[in-house]
């Protein structure tokens, strides 16, 4: 069962025109998991071979670095879905790299395996798929 209530609304782009100052404009985060004010997982999804833009990468790193515990991580997740008219199942995506402890590390695993491993490492019983 999908968690998407209305696929058409999800497809609506948010146009940041008028809310920018030169190269500075709003950014988004594709997914966030937070557990009991203790652990934070930020997920950014990109099509394979696409990088996280510098400004967005810095934002993700700064949020991660400023989290109140050492249990914070950014996962760069990639997909290869070329059909823009179909939804991208996040559970079928791959983790390409992660930002943890102030550095980016190449990591090749399924998102589900990565999340389950984080749950084990950080002893988060709710983080199990």
N, C-alpha and C. Protein backbone atom coordinates (compact mmCIF):
# COMPACT_ATOMS: atom_id res chain seq x y z
N UNK A 1 0.84 -1.17 0.00
CA UNK A 1 0.00 0.00 0.00
C UNK A 1 0.89 1.25 0.00
N UNK A 2 0.62 2.15 -0.89
CA UNK A 2 1.41 3.36 -1.02
C UNK A 2 1.05 4.38 0.05
N UNK A 3 2.05 5.13 0.49
CA UNK A 3 1.82 6.23 1.43
C UNK A 3 1.45 7.52 0.71
N UNK A 4 1.46 7.51 -0.62
CA UNK A 4 1.11 8.70 -1.40
C UNK A 4 -0.40 8.80 -1.49
N UNK A 5 -0.96 9.87 -0.93
CA UNK A 5 -2.41 10.05 -0.98
C UNK A 5 -2.88 10.56 -2.33
N UNK A 6 -2.08 11.42 -2.97
CA UNK A 6 -2.49 12.00 -4.24
C UNK A 6 -1.25 12.19 -5.11
N UNK A 7 -1.00 11.26 -6.04
CA UNK A 7 0.18 11.32 -6.89
C UNK A 7 0.24 12.59 -7.72
N UNK A 8 -0.91 13.09 -8.14
CA UNK A 8 -0.91 14.32 -8.94
C UNK A 8 -0.38 15.51 -8.15
N UNK A 9 -0.73 15.61 -6.87
CA UNK A 9 -0.23 16.71 -6.07
C UNK A 9 1.27 16.57 -5.82
N UNK A 10 1.75 15.35 -5.65
CA UNK A 10 3.18 15.13 -5.45
C UNK A 10 3.97 15.59 -6.68
N UNK A 11 3.38 15.46 -7.84
CA UNK A 11 4.06 15.83 -9.09
C UNK A 11 4.13 17.33 -9.30
N UNK A 12 3.37 18.09 -8.53
CA UNK A 12 3.40 19.53 -8.67
C UNK A 12 4.74 20.05 -8.17
N UNK A 13 5.45 20.76 -9.03
CA UNK A 13 6.72 21.36 -8.63
C UNK A 13 6.47 22.63 -7.84
N UNK A 14 7.33 22.91 -6.91
CA UNK A 14 7.29 24.17 -6.19
C UNK A 14 8.28 25.10 -6.87
N UNK A 15 7.76 26.17 -7.42
CA UNK A 15 8.56 27.13 -8.17
C UNK A 15 9.12 28.17 -7.20
N UNK A 16 10.43 28.22 -7.06
CA UNK A 16 11.08 29.14 -6.12
C UNK A 16 11.29 30.54 -6.71
N UNK A 17 10.80 30.78 -7.93
CA UNK A 17 10.95 32.10 -8.53
C UNK A 17 10.39 33.15 -7.59
N UNK A 18 11.15 34.23 -7.40
CA UNK A 18 10.73 35.31 -6.52
C UNK A 18 11.18 35.12 -5.09
N UNK A 19 11.67 33.94 -4.76
CA UNK A 19 12.17 33.67 -3.41
C UNK A 19 13.65 33.27 -3.54
N UNK A 20 14.38 34.14 -4.21
CA UNK A 20 15.81 33.89 -4.36
C UNK A 20 16.54 35.23 -4.34
N UNK A 21 17.81 35.15 -4.04
CA UNK A 21 18.68 36.32 -4.04
C UNK A 21 19.96 35.88 -4.72
N UNK A 22 20.06 36.14 -6.00
CA UNK A 22 21.19 35.63 -6.76
C UNK A 22 21.11 34.12 -6.83
N UNK A 23 22.15 33.47 -6.37
CA UNK A 23 22.17 32.00 -6.38
C UNK A 23 21.55 31.38 -5.14
N UNK A 24 21.15 32.21 -4.19
CA UNK A 24 20.58 31.70 -2.95
C UNK A 24 19.08 31.57 -3.11
N UNK A 25 18.57 30.36 -2.85
CA UNK A 25 17.14 30.10 -2.95
C UNK A 25 16.79 28.93 -2.04
N UNK A 26 15.49 28.72 -1.78
CA UNK A 26 15.10 27.60 -0.91
C UNK A 26 15.57 26.26 -1.47
N UNK A 27 15.68 25.31 -0.57
CA UNK A 27 16.06 23.95 -0.93
C UNK A 27 15.08 23.00 -0.27
N UNK A 28 15.13 21.75 -0.68
CA UNK A 28 14.27 20.75 -0.06
C UNK A 28 15.11 19.55 0.37
N UNK A 29 14.52 18.75 1.23
CA UNK A 29 15.10 17.48 1.66
C UNK A 29 14.07 16.43 1.31
N UNK A 30 14.48 15.37 0.63
CA UNK A 30 13.52 14.40 0.12
C UNK A 30 12.87 13.54 1.20
N UNK A 31 13.62 13.18 2.23
CA UNK A 31 13.04 12.37 3.31
C UNK A 31 13.82 12.61 4.59
N UNK A 32 13.10 12.58 5.71
CA UNK A 32 13.71 12.75 7.02
C UNK A 32 13.12 11.70 7.95
N UNK A 33 13.99 11.03 8.69
CA UNK A 33 13.57 10.13 9.76
C UNK A 33 14.19 10.66 11.05
N UNK A 34 13.36 10.78 12.08
CA UNK A 34 13.84 11.27 13.37
C UNK A 34 13.28 10.34 14.43
N UNK A 35 14.13 9.96 15.39
CA UNK A 35 13.73 8.99 16.40
C UNK A 35 13.96 9.55 17.80
N UNK A 36 12.85 9.86 18.47
CA UNK A 36 12.86 10.22 19.89
C UNK A 36 13.84 11.33 20.25
N UNK A 37 13.99 12.31 19.39
CA UNK A 37 14.89 13.44 19.63
C UNK A 37 16.33 12.97 19.85
N UNK A 38 16.64 11.77 19.37
CA UNK A 38 17.96 11.18 19.59
C UNK A 38 18.72 10.99 18.27
N UNK A 39 18.04 10.49 17.25
CA UNK A 39 18.71 10.17 15.98
C UNK A 39 18.01 10.87 14.82
N UNK A 40 18.82 11.31 13.86
CA UNK A 40 18.31 12.01 12.68
C UNK A 40 18.93 11.41 11.42
N UNK A 41 18.07 11.07 10.46
CA UNK A 41 18.53 10.55 9.17
C UNK A 41 17.91 11.42 8.09
N UNK A 42 18.77 12.09 7.32
CA UNK A 42 18.34 12.92 6.19
C UNK A 42 18.62 12.13 4.92
N UNK A 43 17.66 12.12 4.00
CA UNK A 43 17.81 11.36 2.76
C UNK A 43 17.60 12.29 1.58
N UNK A 44 18.57 12.33 0.69
CA UNK A 44 18.45 13.09 -0.55
C UNK A 44 18.52 12.11 -1.70
N UNK A 45 17.51 12.16 -2.56
CA UNK A 45 17.41 11.22 -3.68
C UNK A 45 17.76 11.94 -4.98
N UNK A 46 18.63 11.33 -5.75
CA UNK A 46 19.04 11.87 -7.05
C UNK A 46 19.01 10.75 -8.08
N UNK A 47 18.83 11.13 -9.33
CA UNK A 47 18.99 10.17 -10.42
C UNK A 47 20.46 9.79 -10.50
N UNK A 48 20.74 8.53 -10.83
CA UNK A 48 22.13 8.07 -10.95
C UNK A 48 22.97 9.07 -11.74
N UNK A 49 24.19 9.27 -11.29
CA UNK A 49 25.19 10.14 -11.91
C UNK A 49 24.93 11.62 -11.68
N UNK A 50 23.90 11.97 -10.88
CA UNK A 50 23.66 13.37 -10.54
C UNK A 50 24.19 13.64 -9.13
N UNK A 51 24.88 14.76 -9.00
CA UNK A 51 25.43 15.16 -7.71
C UNK A 51 24.42 16.00 -6.94
N UNK A 52 24.61 16.08 -5.64
CA UNK A 52 23.86 17.02 -4.83
C UNK A 52 24.50 18.39 -5.07
N UNK A 53 23.73 19.39 -5.47
CA UNK A 53 24.31 20.72 -5.69
C UNK A 53 25.01 21.24 -4.43
N UNK A 54 26.03 22.04 -4.60
CA UNK A 54 26.88 22.50 -3.50
C UNK A 54 26.06 23.13 -2.36
N UNK A 55 25.17 24.04 -2.68
CA UNK A 55 24.38 24.70 -1.63
C UNK A 55 23.53 23.71 -0.85
N UNK A 56 22.90 22.80 -1.55
CA UNK A 56 22.07 21.80 -0.88
C UNK A 56 22.93 20.85 -0.04
N UNK A 57 24.08 20.47 -0.58
CA UNK A 57 25.00 19.60 0.16
C UNK A 57 25.45 20.28 1.45
N UNK A 58 25.81 21.57 1.38
CA UNK A 58 26.23 22.30 2.57
C UNK A 58 25.09 22.39 3.59
N UNK A 59 23.88 22.62 3.12
CA UNK A 59 22.72 22.65 4.02
C UNK A 59 22.55 21.32 4.75
N UNK A 60 22.59 20.22 4.02
CA UNK A 60 22.44 18.90 4.62
C UNK A 60 23.55 18.62 5.64
N UNK A 61 24.78 18.97 5.27
CA UNK A 61 25.91 18.76 6.18
C UNK A 61 25.75 19.58 7.45
N UNK A 62 25.33 20.84 7.32
CA UNK A 62 25.19 21.72 8.48
C UNK A 62 24.07 21.26 9.41
N UNK A 63 22.98 20.81 8.83
CA UNK A 63 21.90 20.27 9.68
C UNK A 63 22.40 19.04 10.43
N UNK A 64 23.07 18.16 9.72
CA UNK A 64 23.61 16.93 10.32
C UNK A 64 24.61 17.27 11.43
N UNK A 65 25.54 18.19 11.14
CA UNK A 65 26.58 18.55 12.10
C UNK A 65 26.00 19.23 13.35
N UNK A 66 24.88 19.91 13.20
CA UNK A 66 24.33 20.65 14.33
C UNK A 66 23.32 19.84 15.15
N UNK A 67 23.07 18.59 14.75
CA UNK A 67 22.14 17.75 15.51
C UNK A 67 22.66 17.57 16.93
N UNK A 68 21.78 17.44 17.86
CA UNK A 68 22.09 17.46 19.29
C UNK A 68 22.83 16.22 19.80
N UNK A 69 22.89 15.15 19.00
CA UNK A 69 23.64 13.95 19.40
C UNK A 69 24.57 13.57 18.24
N UNK A 70 25.38 12.55 18.46
CA UNK A 70 26.26 12.09 17.38
C UNK A 70 25.54 11.10 16.46
N UNK A 71 24.25 10.93 16.66
CA UNK A 71 23.46 10.02 15.83
C UNK A 71 22.73 10.82 14.75
N UNK A 72 23.51 11.31 13.79
CA UNK A 72 22.93 12.02 12.65
C UNK A 72 23.72 11.64 11.41
N UNK A 73 22.99 11.49 10.31
CA UNK A 73 23.62 11.03 9.07
C UNK A 73 22.81 11.55 7.88
N UNK A 74 23.50 11.78 6.77
CA UNK A 74 22.87 12.12 5.50
C UNK A 74 23.13 10.95 4.55
N UNK A 75 22.08 10.46 3.93
CA UNK A 75 22.23 9.41 2.93
C UNK A 75 21.93 9.98 1.55
N UNK A 76 22.90 9.85 0.64
CA UNK A 76 22.63 10.18 -0.77
C UNK A 76 22.17 8.89 -1.42
N UNK A 77 20.93 8.91 -1.87
CA UNK A 77 20.29 7.73 -2.44
C UNK A 77 20.09 7.99 -3.93
N UNK A 78 20.34 6.97 -4.74
CA UNK A 78 20.20 7.13 -6.19
C UNK A 78 19.20 6.15 -6.77
N UNK A 79 18.64 6.56 -7.89
CA UNK A 79 17.71 5.70 -8.62
C UNK A 79 18.03 5.78 -10.11
N UNK A 80 17.49 4.84 -10.87
CA UNK A 80 17.71 4.82 -12.32
C UNK A 80 16.39 4.85 -13.08
N UNK A 81 15.32 5.31 -12.44
CA UNK A 81 14.02 5.38 -13.09
C UNK A 81 14.00 6.54 -14.08
N UNK A 82 13.84 6.22 -15.35
CA UNK A 82 13.86 7.24 -16.39
C UNK A 82 12.45 7.69 -16.79
N UNK A 83 11.45 6.92 -16.43
CA UNK A 83 10.07 7.23 -16.77
C UNK A 83 9.52 8.24 -15.75
N UNK A 84 9.43 9.50 -16.17
CA UNK A 84 8.96 10.56 -15.26
C UNK A 84 7.50 10.42 -14.89
N UNK A 85 6.77 9.55 -15.55
CA UNK A 85 5.35 9.42 -15.24
C UNK A 85 5.07 8.32 -14.20
N UNK A 86 6.14 7.68 -13.70
CA UNK A 86 5.93 6.67 -12.66
C UNK A 86 6.64 7.09 -11.38
N UNK A 87 6.09 6.68 -10.27
CA UNK A 87 6.67 7.02 -8.97
C UNK A 87 7.95 6.22 -8.74
N UNK A 88 8.85 6.78 -7.96
CA UNK A 88 10.11 6.14 -7.63
C UNK A 88 9.95 5.46 -6.27
N UNK A 89 9.99 4.13 -6.21
CA UNK A 89 9.86 3.46 -4.91
C UNK A 89 11.16 3.60 -4.11
N UNK A 90 11.10 4.35 -3.03
CA UNK A 90 12.30 4.63 -2.24
C UNK A 90 12.95 3.35 -1.73
N UNK A 91 12.15 2.37 -1.40
CA UNK A 91 12.72 1.13 -0.86
C UNK A 91 13.52 0.33 -1.90
N UNK A 92 13.39 0.71 -3.17
CA UNK A 92 14.14 0.04 -4.23
C UNK A 92 15.39 0.82 -4.64
N UNK A 93 15.65 1.93 -3.99
CA UNK A 93 16.79 2.78 -4.32
C UNK A 93 18.05 2.32 -3.59
N UNK A 94 19.18 2.81 -4.07
CA UNK A 94 20.48 2.42 -3.52
C UNK A 94 21.15 3.61 -2.84
N UNK A 95 21.81 3.35 -1.72
CA UNK A 95 22.63 4.36 -1.07
C UNK A 95 23.96 4.40 -1.81
N UNK A 96 24.33 5.59 -2.26
CA UNK A 96 25.59 5.76 -2.99
C UNK A 96 26.69 6.29 -2.06
N UNK A 97 26.30 7.17 -1.14
CA UNK A 97 27.26 7.71 -0.19
C UNK A 97 26.52 8.22 1.03
N UNK A 98 27.29 8.45 2.09
CA UNK A 98 26.69 9.00 3.30
C UNK A 98 27.64 10.01 3.93
N UNK A 99 27.03 10.96 4.62
CA UNK A 99 27.78 11.96 5.36
C UNK A 99 27.58 11.66 6.83
N UNK A 100 28.68 11.35 7.50
CA UNK A 100 28.62 10.99 8.91
C UNK A 100 29.93 11.39 9.56
N UNK A 101 29.82 11.98 10.74
CA UNK A 101 31.02 12.37 11.48
C UNK A 101 31.88 13.33 10.67
N UNK A 102 31.20 14.28 10.00
CA UNK A 102 31.82 15.37 9.25
C UNK A 102 32.59 14.95 8.00
N UNK A 103 32.25 13.77 7.44
CA UNK A 103 32.90 13.40 6.17
C UNK A 103 31.97 12.53 5.33
N UNK A 104 32.14 12.64 4.01
CA UNK A 104 31.40 11.83 3.06
C UNK A 104 32.14 10.53 2.83
N UNK A 105 31.40 9.44 2.80
CA UNK A 105 31.96 8.11 2.61
C UNK A 105 31.17 7.44 1.48
N UNK A 106 31.89 6.85 0.52
CA UNK A 106 31.20 6.05 -0.50
C UNK A 106 30.63 4.82 0.17
N UNK A 107 29.39 4.52 -0.18
CA UNK A 107 28.71 3.38 0.44
C UNK A 107 27.78 2.79 -0.61
N UNK A 108 27.89 1.55 -0.87
CA UNK A 108 27.02 0.89 -1.84
C UNK A 108 26.17 -0.15 -1.12
N UNK A 109 24.90 0.17 -0.95
CA UNK A 109 23.97 -0.79 -0.34
C UNK A 109 22.55 -0.38 -0.68
N UNK A 110 21.63 -1.27 -0.46
CA UNK A 110 20.24 -0.89 -0.62
C UNK A 110 19.88 0.07 0.51
N UNK A 111 18.89 0.90 0.30
CA UNK A 111 18.47 1.82 1.35
C UNK A 111 17.99 1.04 2.57
N UNK A 112 17.23 -0.02 2.34
CA UNK A 112 16.70 -0.81 3.45
C UNK A 112 17.83 -1.41 4.28
N UNK A 113 18.85 -1.97 3.64
CA UNK A 113 19.99 -2.52 4.38
C UNK A 113 20.70 -1.43 5.17
N UNK A 114 20.89 -0.26 4.55
CA UNK A 114 21.56 0.84 5.24
C UNK A 114 20.77 1.28 6.46
N UNK A 115 19.46 1.44 6.31
CA UNK A 115 18.63 1.85 7.45
C UNK A 115 18.64 0.80 8.56
N UNK A 116 18.51 -0.46 8.20
CA UNK A 116 18.55 -1.52 9.20
C UNK A 116 19.90 -1.55 9.93
N UNK A 117 20.99 -1.34 9.20
CA UNK A 117 22.32 -1.33 9.82
C UNK A 117 22.47 -0.13 10.77
N UNK A 118 21.93 1.03 10.38
CA UNK A 118 21.97 2.19 11.26
C UNK A 118 21.17 1.89 12.52
N UNK A 119 20.01 1.27 12.36
CA UNK A 119 19.19 0.91 13.51
C UNK A 119 19.91 0.02 14.49
N UNK A 120 20.66 -0.94 13.96
CA UNK A 120 21.45 -1.84 14.82
C UNK A 120 22.58 -1.07 15.50
N UNK A 121 23.33 -0.30 14.70
CA UNK A 121 24.49 0.44 15.23
C UNK A 121 24.08 1.42 16.31
N UNK A 122 22.96 2.11 16.10
CA UNK A 122 22.51 3.14 17.05
C UNK A 122 21.49 2.61 18.05
N UNK A 123 21.23 1.32 18.02
CA UNK A 123 20.29 0.67 18.93
C UNK A 123 18.90 1.34 18.91
N UNK A 124 18.38 1.50 17.69
CA UNK A 124 17.05 2.08 17.51
C UNK A 124 16.11 0.94 17.10
N UNK A 125 15.34 0.48 18.03
CA UNK A 125 14.45 -0.67 17.77
C UNK A 125 13.35 -0.33 16.76
N UNK A 126 12.96 0.94 16.69
CA UNK A 126 11.93 1.39 15.74
C UNK A 126 12.44 1.41 14.31
N UNK A 127 13.76 1.40 14.13
CA UNK A 127 14.36 1.49 12.80
C UNK A 127 14.70 0.10 12.30
N UNK A 128 13.63 -0.59 11.86
CA UNK A 128 13.78 -1.97 11.37
C UNK A 128 12.74 -2.18 10.27
N UNK A 129 13.23 -2.56 9.10
CA UNK A 129 12.32 -2.78 7.97
C UNK A 129 12.47 -4.20 7.45
